[in-house]
N, C-alpha and C. Protein backbone atom coordinates (compact mmCIF):
# COMPACT_ATOMS: atom_id res chain seq x y z
N MET A 1 0.86 -1.19 0.06
CA MET A 1 0.03 0.07 -0.19
C MET A 1 0.91 1.07 0.05
N TYR A 2 0.50 2.19 -0.94
CA TYR A 2 1.32 3.63 -1.35
C TYR A 2 0.71 4.51 -0.37
N LEU A 3 1.05 5.34 0.24
CA LEU A 3 0.51 6.53 0.58
C LEU A 3 1.22 7.99 0.21
N LEU A 4 0.51 8.89 -0.76
CA LEU A 4 1.29 10.15 -0.82
C LEU A 4 0.95 10.85 -0.11
N GLN A 5 1.93 11.42 0.41
CA GLN A 5 1.72 13.09 1.18
C GLN A 5 1.39 13.89 0.58
N PRO A 6 0.70 14.79 0.86
CA PRO A 6 0.51 15.80 0.10
C PRO A 6 1.63 16.98 0.38
N SER A 7 1.82 17.81 -0.49
CA SER A 7 2.56 18.83 -0.31
C SER A 7 2.06 20.29 0.33
N LEU A 8 2.91 20.87 0.91
CA LEU A 8 2.76 22.13 1.86
C LEU A 8 2.11 22.99 0.95
N PHE A 9 3.03 23.28 -0.21
CA PHE A 9 3.01 24.26 -1.44
C PHE A 9 3.61 23.71 -2.42
N PRO A 10 2.73 24.32 -3.63
CA PRO A 10 3.28 23.78 -4.81
C PRO A 10 4.84 24.09 -5.17
N PHE A 11 5.49 23.35 -5.62
CA PHE A 11 6.81 23.37 -5.45
C PHE A 11 7.28 24.79 -6.33
N GLU A 12 6.20 25.25 -7.41
CA GLU A 12 6.76 26.42 -8.07
C GLU A 12 6.32 27.60 -7.58
N ASP A 13 5.29 27.58 -6.97
CA ASP A 13 4.91 28.89 -6.23
C ASP A 13 6.08 28.69 -4.79
N TRP A 14 6.57 27.69 -4.30
CA TRP A 14 7.82 27.90 -3.40
C TRP A 14 9.02 28.59 -3.98
N LEU A 15 9.49 28.10 -5.22
CA LEU A 15 10.80 28.52 -5.75
C LEU A 15 10.36 29.96 -5.64
N GLU A 16 9.35 30.68 -6.47
CA GLU A 16 9.00 32.19 -6.63
C GLU A 16 8.96 32.86 -5.39
N ILE A 17 8.78 32.33 -4.27
CA ILE A 17 8.69 33.01 -2.57
C ILE A 17 10.02 33.41 -2.41
N ASP A 18 10.30 34.76 -2.04
CA ASP A 18 11.64 35.08 -1.35
C ASP A 18 12.56 34.35 -0.43
N SER A 19 13.37 33.98 -0.16
CA SER A 19 13.95 33.05 0.82
C SER A 19 13.90 33.42 1.98
N SER A 20 13.45 34.95 2.09
CA SER A 20 13.44 35.32 3.56
C SER A 20 11.92 35.04 4.02
N ASP A 21 11.14 35.15 3.21
CA ASP A 21 9.79 35.11 3.33
C ASP A 21 9.35 33.25 3.58
N ARG A 22 10.10 32.58 3.30
CA ARG A 22 9.97 31.11 3.17
C ARG A 22 9.67 30.46 4.64
N LEU A 23 10.31 30.81 5.51
CA LEU A 23 10.50 30.06 6.94
C LEU A 23 8.75 30.66 7.47
N PRO A 24 8.71 32.01 7.50
CA PRO A 24 7.56 32.05 8.41
C PRO A 24 6.51 31.28 7.75
N LEU A 25 6.26 31.37 6.34
CA LEU A 25 5.09 30.53 5.60
C LEU A 25 5.17 29.21 6.03
N PHE A 26 6.19 28.77 6.52
CA PHE A 26 6.63 26.98 6.63
C PHE A 26 5.98 26.84 7.85
N PHE A 27 6.62 27.71 8.85
CA PHE A 27 5.48 27.60 10.15
C PHE A 27 4.51 28.23 10.42
N ALA A 28 3.83 28.94 9.69
CA ALA A 28 2.49 29.08 9.91
C ALA A 28 1.59 27.96 9.50
N VAL A 29 1.96 26.94 8.73
CA VAL A 29 1.65 25.53 8.32
C VAL A 29 1.71 24.71 9.00
N LEU A 30 2.68 24.57 9.92
CA LEU A 30 2.99 23.34 10.75
C LEU A 30 2.60 24.01 12.10
N ASP A 31 1.72 22.56 12.82
CA ASP A 31 1.51 22.60 14.38
C ASP A 31 2.25 21.64 14.96
N LEU A 32 3.36 22.79 15.56
CA LEU A 32 4.58 22.04 16.66
C LEU A 32 3.87 21.60 17.99
N GLN A 33 2.96 21.99 18.18
CA GLN A 33 2.55 21.84 19.70
C GLN A 33 2.48 20.44 20.32
N PRO A 34 2.02 19.49 19.33
CA PRO A 34 2.24 18.46 19.56
C PRO A 34 3.16 17.71 19.96
N TYR A 35 4.43 18.28 19.53
CA TYR A 35 5.73 17.44 19.38
C TYR A 35 6.37 18.30 20.70
N ALA A 36 6.17 19.52 20.84
CA ALA A 36 6.39 20.65 21.89
C ALA A 36 6.14 19.89 23.13
N SER A 37 4.81 19.36 23.41
CA SER A 37 4.40 18.90 24.56
C SER A 37 5.09 17.46 24.92
N LYS A 38 5.31 17.17 23.65
CA LYS A 38 6.20 15.56 24.31
C LYS A 38 7.54 15.90 24.88
N LEU A 39 8.27 17.00 24.99
CA LEU A 39 9.61 17.28 24.95
C LEU A 39 9.48 18.04 26.66
N ARG A 40 8.38 17.79 27.25
CA ARG A 40 8.51 18.53 28.79
C ARG A 40 9.42 17.77 29.53
N LYS A 41 9.82 18.50 30.72
CA LYS A 41 10.88 17.92 31.85
C LYS A 41 9.91 16.97 32.39
N GLN A 42 10.59 15.97 32.84
CA GLN A 42 9.89 15.07 33.84
C GLN A 42 10.28 15.49 35.20
N SER A 43 11.63 15.96 35.38
CA SER A 43 11.93 16.36 36.62
C SER A 43 11.58 17.92 37.40
N PRO A 44 10.94 18.19 38.33
CA PRO A 44 11.14 19.72 38.56
C PRO A 44 12.17 20.35 38.89
N GLN A 45 13.15 20.10 39.06
CA GLN A 45 14.59 20.38 39.46
C GLN A 45 15.20 20.70 38.00
N GLY A 46 16.11 21.94 38.19
CA GLY A 46 16.70 22.54 37.36
C GLY A 46 16.43 23.90 36.63
N ALA A 47 16.96 24.27 35.65
CA ALA A 47 16.64 25.58 34.79
C ALA A 47 15.24 25.88 34.92
N LYS A 48 14.56 26.73 34.80
CA LYS A 48 13.53 27.09 34.47
C LYS A 48 13.07 26.67 33.18
N PRO A 49 11.90 26.35 32.55
CA PRO A 49 11.25 25.66 31.62
C PRO A 49 11.34 26.74 30.47
N MET A 50 11.99 26.22 29.37
CA MET A 50 12.03 27.02 28.03
C MET A 50 10.71 26.80 27.17
N ASN A 51 10.54 27.71 26.01
CA ASN A 51 9.44 27.29 25.19
C ASN A 51 9.60 26.41 24.01
N ARG A 52 9.49 25.45 24.49
CA ARG A 52 9.83 24.05 23.54
C ARG A 52 9.45 24.39 22.32
N GLU A 53 8.09 24.75 22.18
CA GLU A 53 7.68 25.33 20.57
C GLU A 53 9.31 26.05 19.59
N ALA A 54 9.83 26.88 20.53
CA ALA A 54 10.36 28.11 20.02
C ALA A 54 11.88 27.25 19.56
N ILE A 55 12.03 26.15 20.34
CA ILE A 55 13.39 25.35 20.57
C ILE A 55 13.37 24.59 19.09
N LEU A 56 11.86 23.94 19.03
CA LEU A 56 11.82 23.04 17.60
C LEU A 56 12.05 23.73 16.42
N ARG A 57 11.39 25.17 16.62
CA ARG A 57 11.51 26.13 15.37
C ARG A 57 12.64 26.46 15.07
N ALA A 58 13.63 27.02 16.09
CA ALA A 58 15.14 26.95 15.85
C ALA A 58 15.67 25.58 15.11
N LEU A 59 15.44 24.77 15.82
CA LEU A 59 16.29 23.46 15.03
C LEU A 59 15.85 23.16 13.73
N LEU A 60 14.54 23.48 13.40
CA LEU A 60 14.30 23.25 11.66
C LEU A 60 14.58 24.25 11.23
N ALA A 61 14.75 25.58 11.77
CA ALA A 61 15.17 26.64 10.84
C ALA A 61 16.99 26.98 10.31
N ALA A 62 17.41 25.92 11.39
CA ALA A 62 18.90 25.89 11.46
C ALA A 62 19.09 24.73 10.41
N HIS A 63 18.14 23.63 10.32
CA HIS A 63 18.63 22.56 9.15
C HIS A 63 18.12 23.37 8.00
N THR A 64 17.03 23.87 7.90
CA THR A 64 16.68 24.62 6.72
C THR A 64 17.38 25.31 6.09
N SER A 65 18.10 26.61 6.52
CA SER A 65 19.08 27.50 6.25
C SER A 65 20.16 26.87 5.92
N GLU A 66 20.53 25.53 6.25
CA GLU A 66 21.77 25.22 5.63
C GLU A 66 21.68 24.42 4.41
N ARG A 67 20.58 24.18 3.92
CA ARG A 67 20.16 23.80 2.48
C ARG A 67 19.73 24.84 1.52
N LEU A 68 19.83 26.20 2.00
CA LEU A 68 19.56 27.04 1.17
C LEU A 68 20.73 27.53 0.39
């Protein structure tokens, strides 16, 4: 059984978008909250909790910027 994953944007449209505008469009479509909620600390000790969704966005943005 084969499943085709739909694309977020048509490839031609994605190429026409200015590279500085791509990340905001990309993150506007993605819902990272379910993944960020899985990254909660299990222990109450340690540093203050950080915004886990922001950390995920930074990791994705760093990986994406390497490819541009």
